[in-house]
């Protein structure tokens, strides 16, 4: 039996740094109390753990005031908090074809309800948003622009600073689900007004954690209201952060684990993590380029994408990264036989070679339409910091075996 090779880091990172598990166990066995609800020693220790996590995230994203970070269950809840708490009836929103259903579904709900109007900027075959089209979509009623920092399908990185320049003073919400923890993010430098993040991917924390940063002069209507441990004498929701957006008991044990993940990233260095993941990406792309019958989607450039690579076993697109259509490499038009569908190839990788990948549409149907992979989707190879060069070589050999029918 082969050693399991985990390549589903775009869905959730695994393994976690040992300190994450240790922090969770410590909270459950030694702390256990509810921060902000009591004045005893364990409650104060729990409060210190949550505060330290907030402060670590502020250092990671260059956020001047840690109190502007509120915890959520995931990036989806963070995005929903902005969309339902910031937009008013009659507002206009611009998003992109590369965005996730975490953005598209709530916007579609608001659009069908007649609350807002929405424009979706298209993307090319490499997954880059058409910035000219995005600019043309802006209107006098545009209240918000929502952008996925990097595609969860093919890893394509969007130029956030260029988008900031294009949209002027319009508030910008950036979904960093695929970049937080493994790519440098600076809310001041990048001009990010709302930053939504999840804890269980690049931040190396547990599932059920995430958060949202709000720029200093912005406020939101709460997605939920209730007890906060502060101003208990009032029936009105507190109007100050983080309390205004953190009603009810939070996932404090998860936040403890998230804090340990953030500490690991700060100690290791985002640049170190990025350098390793780029090396793995370059190695995989180089190994796949020469394989007849494999299409690779995205920029095919480790400098312009994350360590997420999508492939299919076919030759449906013209070859070469410099082709006008773009978006694919490693193609040989001499390939004439139909290759296995993503679902079939995924089963082979998972079952025959113990390589754990994800197949399908990855909750981003418009991205697949832009890439030309709808409705079957792709095989997604999501590398992470704990993957090795040797594992990538094994993946290349397995893909070659599938192409050559050497099973």
Protein backbone atom coordinates (compact mmCIF):
# COMPACT_ATOMS: atom_id res chain seq x y z
CA UNK A 1 0.00 0.00 0.00
CA UNK A 2 1.25 3.45 -0.86
CA UNK A 3 1.72 6.10 1.79
CA UNK A 4 -1.28 8.44 1.73
CA UNK A 5 -0.50 11.68 -0.10
CA UNK A 6 -2.88 14.45 0.95
CA UNK A 7 -3.51 16.91 -1.88
CA UNK A 8 -6.80 18.41 -0.72
CA UNK A 9 -5.33 21.43 1.05
CA UNK A 10 -7.48 23.81 -1.00
CA UNK A 11 -10.46 22.32 0.88
CA UNK A 12 -8.81 22.09 4.30
CA UNK A 13 -5.16 21.89 5.28
CA UNK A 14 -3.76 18.67 6.70
CA UNK A 15 -1.76 17.82 8.69
CA UNK A 16 -1.79 20.68 11.17
CA UNK A 17 1.25 21.88 13.12
CA UNK A 18 1.51 19.91 16.40
CA UNK A 19 0.95 23.09 18.40
CA UNK A 20 -2.61 23.33 17.04
CA UNK A 21 -3.68 20.05 18.60
CA UNK A 22 -1.78 20.90 21.78
CA UNK A 23 -3.59 24.24 22.09
CA UNK A 24 -6.99 22.58 21.58
CA UNK A 25 -6.26 19.89 24.17
CA UNK A 26 -4.93 22.48 26.63
CA UNK A 27 -8.08 24.58 26.28
CA UNK A 28 -10.36 21.58 26.75
CA UNK A 29 -8.47 20.05 29.68
CA UNK A 30 -6.97 23.02 31.48
CA UNK A 31 -9.11 26.08 30.63
CA UNK A 32 -12.61 25.24 29.39
CA UNK A 33 -14.22 28.48 30.55
CA UNK A 34 -16.15 31.07 28.57
CA UNK A 35 -14.20 34.28 27.89
CA UNK A 36 -15.90 37.56 28.69
CA UNK A 37 -18.70 35.90 30.67
CA UNK A 38 -17.09 35.52 34.10
CA UNK A 39 -14.38 37.13 36.19
CA UNK A 40 -12.68 34.02 37.55
CA UNK A 41 -9.17 32.88 36.67
CA UNK A 42 -10.12 30.35 33.97
CA UNK A 43 -12.40 32.83 32.23
CA UNK A 44 -9.57 35.36 32.21
CA UNK A 45 -7.20 32.75 30.76
CA UNK A 46 -9.73 31.91 28.05
CA UNK A 47 -10.08 35.60 27.30
CA UNK A 48 -6.30 35.94 27.00
CA UNK A 49 -6.19 33.04 24.51
CA UNK A 50 -8.84 34.65 22.31
CA UNK A 51 -7.14 38.04 22.56
CA UNK A 52 -3.77 36.54 21.60
CA UNK A 53 -5.31 34.93 18.52
CA UNK A 54 -6.82 38.25 17.50
CA UNK A 55 -3.48 39.98 17.97
CA UNK A 56 -1.64 37.32 15.98
CA UNK A 57 -4.03 37.74 13.06
CA UNK A 58 -3.56 41.51 13.25
CA UNK A 59 0.21 41.07 12.94
CA UNK A 60 -0.20 38.65 10.06
CA UNK A 61 -2.43 40.99 8.03
CA UNK A 62 -0.94 44.31 9.24
CA UNK A 63 -4.20 45.34 10.89
CA UNK A 64 -3.57 48.34 13.19
CA UNK A 65 -6.38 47.56 15.64
CA UNK A 66 -6.97 43.87 16.56
CA UNK A 67 -10.42 44.87 17.81
CA UNK A 68 -11.48 45.34 14.18
CA UNK A 69 -11.23 41.55 13.73
CA UNK A 70 -14.36 39.55 14.56
CA UNK A 71 -14.48 35.77 14.71
CA UNK A 72 -16.90 33.72 12.61
CA UNK A 73 -17.40 30.02 11.98
CA UNK A 74 -15.79 30.23 8.52
CA UNK A 75 -15.18 32.53 5.59
CA UNK A 76 -18.71 31.93 4.31
CA UNK A 77 -20.20 33.41 7.48
CA UNK A 78 -17.75 36.32 7.25
CA UNK A 79 -18.82 37.06 3.67
CA UNK A 80 -22.51 36.75 4.54
CA UNK A 81 -21.98 39.15 7.44
CA UNK A 82 -20.80 41.79 4.98
CA UNK A 83 -23.34 41.15 2.24
CA UNK A 84 -26.35 41.14 4.58
CA UNK A 85 -24.99 43.74 6.97
CA UNK A 86 -23.62 46.37 4.61
CA UNK A 87 -25.82 46.43 1.52
CA UNK A 88 -29.08 48.36 1.36
CA UNK A 89 -32.03 48.08 -1.01
CA UNK A 90 -31.13 49.56 -4.38
CA UNK A 91 -27.39 49.04 -4.03
CA UNK A 92 -25.26 47.69 -6.86
CA UNK A 93 -22.54 45.07 -6.37
CA UNK A 94 -19.72 43.97 -8.66
CA UNK A 95 -18.12 40.56 -8.26
CA UNK A 96 -16.27 38.19 -10.60
CA UNK A 97 -16.69 34.94 -12.47
CA UNK A 98 -13.87 33.45 -10.39
CA UNK A 99 -15.69 33.88 -7.12
CA UNK A 100 -16.95 31.05 -4.94
CA UNK A 101 -20.56 30.18 -4.19
CA UNK A 102 -19.94 31.68 -0.75
CA UNK A 103 -20.23 35.00 -2.60
CA UNK A 104 -22.42 34.12 -5.57
CA UNK A 105 -25.25 32.38 -3.74
CA UNK A 106 -26.04 35.12 -1.20
CA UNK A 107 -25.75 37.73 -3.95
CA UNK A 108 -28.11 35.72 -6.14
CA UNK A 109 -30.57 35.52 -3.25
CA UNK A 110 -30.43 39.29 -2.76
CA UNK A 111 -30.76 39.86 -6.52
CA UNK A 112 -33.80 37.60 -6.88
CA UNK A 113 -35.33 39.26 -3.85
CA UNK A 114 -35.01 42.59 -5.65
CA UNK A 115 -32.76 44.08 -3.00
CA UNK A 116 -29.62 44.64 -5.08
CA UNK A 117 -28.39 44.51 -8.64
CA UNK A 118 -25.26 42.54 -9.49
CA UNK A 119 -22.67 42.59 -12.26
CA UNK A 120 -20.18 39.76 -12.67
CA UNK A 121 -16.88 40.65 -14.33
CA UNK A 122 -15.73 37.87 -16.69
CA UNK A 123 -12.40 36.07 -16.58
CA UNK A 124 -10.12 34.64 -19.24
CA UNK A 125 -9.09 31.03 -19.79
CA UNK A 126 -6.27 31.41 -17.27
CA UNK A 127 -8.61 32.60 -14.55
CA UNK A 128 -7.63 36.27 -14.57
CA UNK A 129 -10.48 38.72 -14.11
CA UNK A 130 -10.98 41.15 -16.99
CA UNK A 131 -10.13 44.40 -15.22
CA UNK A 132 -11.44 46.56 -18.07
CA UNK A 133 -14.79 44.80 -17.85
CA UNK A 134 -14.77 45.20 -14.09
CA UNK A 135 -14.19 48.93 -14.51
CA UNK A 136 -17.03 49.19 -17.04
CA UNK A 137 -19.35 47.46 -14.55
CA UNK A 138 -18.99 50.24 -11.96
CA UNK A 139 -22.00 52.50 -11.54
CA UNK A 140 -22.98 55.45 -9.40
CA UNK A 141 -24.91 53.03 -7.15
CA UNK A 142 -22.05 50.55 -6.78
CA UNK A 143 -21.74 50.07 -3.02
CA UNK A 144 -19.38 47.11 -2.91
CA UNK A 145 -16.86 45.19 -5.00
CA UNK A 146 -16.23 41.55 -4.01
CA UNK A 147 -13.12 39.73 -5.24
CA UNK A 148 -11.71 36.27 -4.66
CA UNK A 149 -8.00 36.79 -3.95
CA UNK A 150 -7.12 33.43 -5.49
CA UNK A 151 -9.20 30.84 -7.27
CA UNK A 152 -9.98 27.67 -5.36
CA UNK A 153 -10.21 25.92 -8.74
CA UNK A 154 -6.94 26.74 -10.48
CA UNK A 155 -5.06 28.96 -8.02
CA UNK A 156 -5.04 32.12 -10.16
CA UNK A 157 -4.09 35.19 -8.10
CA UNK A 158 -5.92 38.43 -8.76
CA UNK A 159 -4.12 41.78 -8.57
CA UNK A 160 -5.83 43.30 -5.54
CA UNK A 161 -3.86 46.54 -5.68
CA UNK A 162 -4.82 47.07 -9.32
CA UNK A 163 -8.46 46.44 -8.49
CA UNK A 164 -8.22 48.89 -5.61
CA UNK A 165 -6.92 51.54 -7.99
CA UNK A 166 -9.67 50.87 -10.53
CA UNK A 167 -12.59 51.07 -8.10
CA UNK A 168 -11.45 54.20 -6.29
CA UNK A 169 -13.26 54.77 -2.97
CA UNK A 170 -15.82 51.98 -3.41
CA UNK A 171 -15.50 49.53 -0.50
CA UNK A 172 -13.64 46.32 -1.37
CA UNK A 173 -14.36 42.90 0.16
CA UNK A 174 -11.60 40.35 -0.44
CA UNK A 175 -12.18 36.63 0.05
CA UNK A 176 -8.82 35.29 1.25
CA UNK A 177 -9.88 31.68 1.81
CA UNK A 178 -7.09 30.43 -0.47
CA UNK A 179 -4.35 32.91 0.47
CA UNK A 180 -4.52 33.76 4.18
CA UNK A 181 -1.46 32.24 5.84
CA UNK A 182 0.37 31.23 2.66
CA UNK A 183 0.55 34.50 0.73
CA UNK A 184 1.51 37.98 1.98
CA UNK A 185 -1.57 40.09 2.78
CA UNK A 186 -1.40 43.67 4.05
CA UNK A 187 -4.76 45.41 4.45
CA UNK A 188 -3.14 48.85 4.36
CA UNK A 189 -0.88 48.27 1.35
CA UNK A 190 -3.55 46.37 -0.57
CA UNK A 191 -6.38 48.78 0.24
CA UNK A 192 -8.68 46.09 1.67
CA UNK A 193 -11.80 47.39 3.41
CA UNK A 194 -13.30 44.03 4.37
CA UNK A 195 -11.06 40.97 4.65
CA UNK A 196 -12.83 37.61 5.03
CA UNK A 197 -10.72 34.62 6.05
CA UNK A 198 -11.14 31.03 7.10
CA UNK A 199 -9.10 29.32 9.78
CA UNK A 200 -8.87 25.75 8.52
CA UNK A 201 -6.94 26.21 5.28
CA UNK A 202 -3.71 28.21 4.97
CA UNK A 203 -3.99 29.47 8.56
CA UNK A 204 -3.61 25.81 9.64
CA UNK A 205 -6.28 26.00 12.33
CA UNK A 206 -9.26 23.71 12.96
CA UNK A 207 -12.50 23.69 11.02
CA UNK A 208 -15.26 25.90 12.35
CA UNK A 209 -13.03 28.97 12.62
CA UNK A 210 -12.73 32.11 10.55
CA UNK A 211 -13.15 35.82 10.75
CA UNK A 212 -13.64 39.23 9.27
CA UNK A 213 -11.69 42.48 9.35
CA UNK A 214 -13.51 45.81 8.93
CA UNK A 215 -11.75 49.04 8.10
CA UNK A 216 -11.87 51.65 10.87
CA UNK A 217 -14.74 53.81 9.59
CA UNK A 218 -17.00 50.99 8.38
CA UNK A 219 -19.81 49.31 10.28
CA UNK A 220 -22.21 46.43 9.66
CA UNK A 221 -25.64 45.36 10.81
CA UNK A 222 -25.12 42.17 12.84
CA UNK A 223 -25.94 38.88 11.16
CA UNK A 224 -27.14 37.69 14.59
CA UNK A 225 -27.93 39.39 17.88
CA UNK A 226 -27.77 38.17 21.46
CA UNK A 227 -25.56 37.87 24.50
CA UNK A 228 -22.08 39.31 24.31
CA UNK A 229 -21.05 39.44 27.98
CA UNK A 230 -21.05 43.25 27.76
CA UNK A 231 -23.82 45.82 28.37
CA UNK A 232 -26.05 43.04 29.71
CA UNK A 233 -28.38 45.64 31.23
CA UNK A 234 -29.43 46.80 27.75
CA UNK A 235 -31.75 45.05 25.31
CA UNK A 236 -29.92 46.75 22.44
CA UNK A 237 -27.01 45.10 20.67
CA UNK A 238 -23.64 46.71 21.51
CA UNK A 239 -22.47 49.02 18.72
CA UNK A 240 -18.72 48.52 19.22
CA UNK A 241 -16.39 45.84 17.87
CA UNK A 242 -15.82 43.02 18.27
CA UNK A 243 -18.90 42.63 20.50
CA UNK A 244 -21.37 44.00 17.93
CA UNK A 245 -20.70 41.04 15.62
CA UNK A 246 -19.83 38.30 18.13
CA UNK A 247 -23.08 37.32 19.82
CA UNK A 248 -23.28 34.03 21.69
CA UNK A 249 -20.56 31.68 22.81
CA UNK A 250 -17.89 31.45 20.15
CA UNK A 251 -15.90 28.38 19.10
CA UNK A 252 -13.29 29.29 21.70
CA UNK A 253 -11.52 25.95 21.66
CA UNK A 254 -11.24 26.32 17.87
CA UNK A 255 -9.98 29.88 18.27
CA UNK A 256 -7.29 28.52 20.60
CA UNK A 257 -6.21 26.10 17.87
CA UNK A 258 -6.37 28.85 15.26
CA UNK A 259 -4.11 31.00 17.42
CA UNK A 260 -1.53 28.22 17.49
CA UNK A 261 -1.74 27.90 13.70
CA UNK A 262 -1.19 31.64 13.31
CA UNK A 263 1.75 31.48 15.74
CA UNK A 264 3.31 28.73 13.61
CA UNK A 265 2.93 30.87 10.48
CA UNK A 266 4.40 33.95 12.15
CA UNK A 267 7.35 31.94 13.47
CA UNK A 268 7.95 30.11 10.18
CA UNK A 269 7.35 33.16 8.01
CA UNK A 270 4.80 33.58 5.24
CA UNK A 271 7.62 34.04 2.73
CA UNK A 272 9.12 30.69 3.76
CA UNK A 273 5.76 28.97 3.32
CA UNK A 274 5.21 30.70 -0.01
CA UNK A 275 8.67 29.75 -1.26
CA UNK A 276 8.14 26.06 -0.46
CA UNK A 277 4.69 25.94 -2.03
CA UNK A 278 5.97 27.68 -5.15
CA UNK A 279 8.74 25.12 -5.42
CA UNK A 280 6.22 22.29 -5.24
CA UNK A 281 3.99 23.99 -7.80
CA UNK A 282 6.89 24.49 -10.22
CA UNK A 283 7.90 20.85 -9.79
CA UNK A 284 4.39 19.57 -10.49
CA UNK A 285 3.88 21.83 -13.51
CA UNK A 286 7.23 20.82 -14.98
CA UNK A 287 6.43 17.15 -14.50
CA UNK A 288 3.02 17.43 -16.15
CA UNK A 289 3.92 19.65 -19.10
CA UNK A 290 5.30 16.84 -21.22
CA UNK A 291 2.47 14.38 -20.64
CA UNK A 292 0.36 13.67 -23.71
CA UNK A 293 -3.33 14.01 -22.98
CA UNK A 294 -3.24 16.15 -19.83
CA UNK A 295 -4.67 19.66 -19.75
CA UNK A 296 -3.55 22.02 -16.98
CA UNK A 297 -5.70 25.02 -16.10
CA UNK A 298 -4.62 28.38 -14.75
CA UNK A 299 -1.57 30.59 -15.29
CA UNK A 300 0.95 27.68 -15.27
CA UNK A 301 3.22 30.08 -13.38
CA UNK A 302 4.03 29.63 -9.67
CA UNK A 303 4.50 33.39 -9.37
CA UNK A 304 0.93 34.09 -10.46
CA UNK A 305 -0.97 31.34 -8.69
CA UNK A 306 -1.24 29.48 -5.42
CA UNK A 307 -0.20 25.85 -5.03
CA UNK A 308 -3.58 24.66 -6.35
CA UNK A 309 -3.44 23.04 -9.79
CA UNK A 310 -6.40 21.70 -11.77
CA UNK A 311 -6.11 19.15 -14.57
CA UNK A 312 -8.23 17.03 -16.87
CA UNK A 313 -7.30 14.00 -18.94
CA UNK A 314 -8.16 15.28 -22.40
CA UNK A 315 -7.08 17.61 -25.17
CA UNK A 316 -10.09 19.86 -25.46
CA UNK A 317 -8.08 23.07 -25.58
CA UNK A 318 -5.21 24.14 -27.85
CA UNK A 319 -1.78 23.71 -26.34
CA UNK A 320 0.75 26.08 -24.92
CA UNK A 321 0.51 28.75 -22.27
CA UNK A 322 1.09 31.44 -24.92
CA UNK A 323 -1.85 30.36 -27.05
CA UNK A 324 -4.47 33.16 -27.40
CA UNK A 325 -7.03 31.09 -25.49
CA UNK A 326 -4.57 30.53 -22.68
CA UNK A 327 -5.42 28.54 -19.62
CA UNK A 328 -3.81 25.26 -20.48
CA UNK A 329 -0.41 23.78 -20.98
CA UNK A 330 0.92 20.21 -21.14
CA UNK A 331 -1.19 19.31 -24.14
CA UNK A 332 -0.36 17.25 -27.20
CA UNK A 333 -2.82 17.38 -30.09
CA UNK A 334 -1.68 13.93 -31.19
CA UNK A 335 -3.76 12.66 -28.29
CA UNK A 336 -6.94 11.39 -29.91
CA UNK A 337 -8.53 9.05 -27.36
CA UNK A 338 -10.98 10.29 -24.77
CA UNK A 339 -9.36 10.27 -21.36
CA UNK A 340 -11.12 9.41 -18.09
CA UNK A 341 -13.59 11.92 -16.72
CA UNK A 342 -12.46 13.82 -13.61
CA UNK A 343 -14.65 11.65 -11.41
CA UNK A 344 -13.10 8.47 -12.83
CA UNK A 345 -9.54 9.79 -12.68
CA UNK A 346 -10.10 10.99 -9.12
CA UNK A 347 -11.19 7.51 -8.09
CA UNK A 348 -8.03 6.07 -9.63
CA UNK A 349 -5.80 8.57 -7.85
CA UNK A 350 -7.58 8.10 -4.54
CA UNK A 351 -8.13 4.35 -4.70
CA UNK A 352 -5.24 2.96 -6.73
CA UNK A 353 -2.47 5.37 -5.78
CA UNK A 354 -3.60 6.66 -2.35
CA UNK A 355 -3.38 10.24 -3.60
CA UNK A 356 -6.19 12.21 -1.99
CA UNK A 357 -7.58 14.82 -4.40
CA UNK A 358 -10.90 16.53 -5.01
CA UNK A 359 -12.84 16.33 -8.25
CA UNK A 360 -15.83 18.21 -9.64
CA UNK A 361 -16.87 21.86 -9.69
CA UNK A 362 -15.42 22.87 -6.30
CA UNK A 363 -18.40 25.15 -5.49
CA UNK A 364 -17.34 27.58 -8.21
CA UNK A 365 -19.46 26.93 -11.33
CA UNK A 366 -18.80 30.27 -13.02
CA UNK A 367 -15.05 29.73 -12.70
CA UNK A 368 -15.40 26.42 -14.52
CA UNK A 369 -17.44 28.08 -17.26
CA UNK A 370 -14.65 30.64 -17.66
CA UNK A 371 -12.01 27.90 -17.79
CA UNK A 372 -14.05 25.72 -20.15
CA UNK A 373 -14.41 22.82 -17.69
CA UNK A 374 -18.13 23.00 -16.99
CA UNK A 375 -20.03 20.74 -16.22
CA UNK A 376 -17.60 17.91 -15.47
CA UNK A 377 -15.11 20.02 -13.55
CA UNK A 378 -11.50 19.15 -12.89
CA UNK A 379 -9.17 17.07 -10.76
CA UNK A 380 -7.82 19.51 -8.20
CA UNK A 381 -4.35 18.97 -6.76
CA UNK A 382 -4.12 21.19 -3.68
CA UNK A 383 -0.59 21.22 -2.31
CA UNK A 384 0.35 22.58 1.11
CA UNK A 385 3.32 23.44 3.27
CA UNK A 386 3.69 19.90 4.62
CA UNK A 387 3.81 18.23 1.22
CA UNK A 388 7.25 17.14 -0.01
CA UNK A 389 9.10 17.04 -3.31
CA UNK A 390 9.09 13.25 -3.14
CA UNK A 391 5.31 13.22 -2.87
CA UNK A 392 4.98 15.46 -5.91
CA UNK A 393 7.20 13.09 -7.90
CA UNK A 394 4.92 10.22 -6.90
CA UNK A 395 1.89 12.21 -8.06
CA UNK A 396 3.52 12.86 -11.44
CA UNK A 397 4.27 9.15 -11.85
CA UNK A 398 0.67 8.25 -10.97
CA UNK A 399 -0.76 10.70 -13.49
CA UNK A 400 1.62 9.37 -16.13
CA UNK A 401 0.43 5.83 -15.37
CA UNK A 402 -3.19 6.86 -15.87
CA UNK A 403 -2.37 8.58 -19.17
CA UNK A 404 -0.43 5.58 -20.44
CA UNK A 405 -2.94 3.04 -19.15
CA UNK A 406 -0.27 1.44 -17.00
CA UNK A 407 -2.59 0.45 -14.16
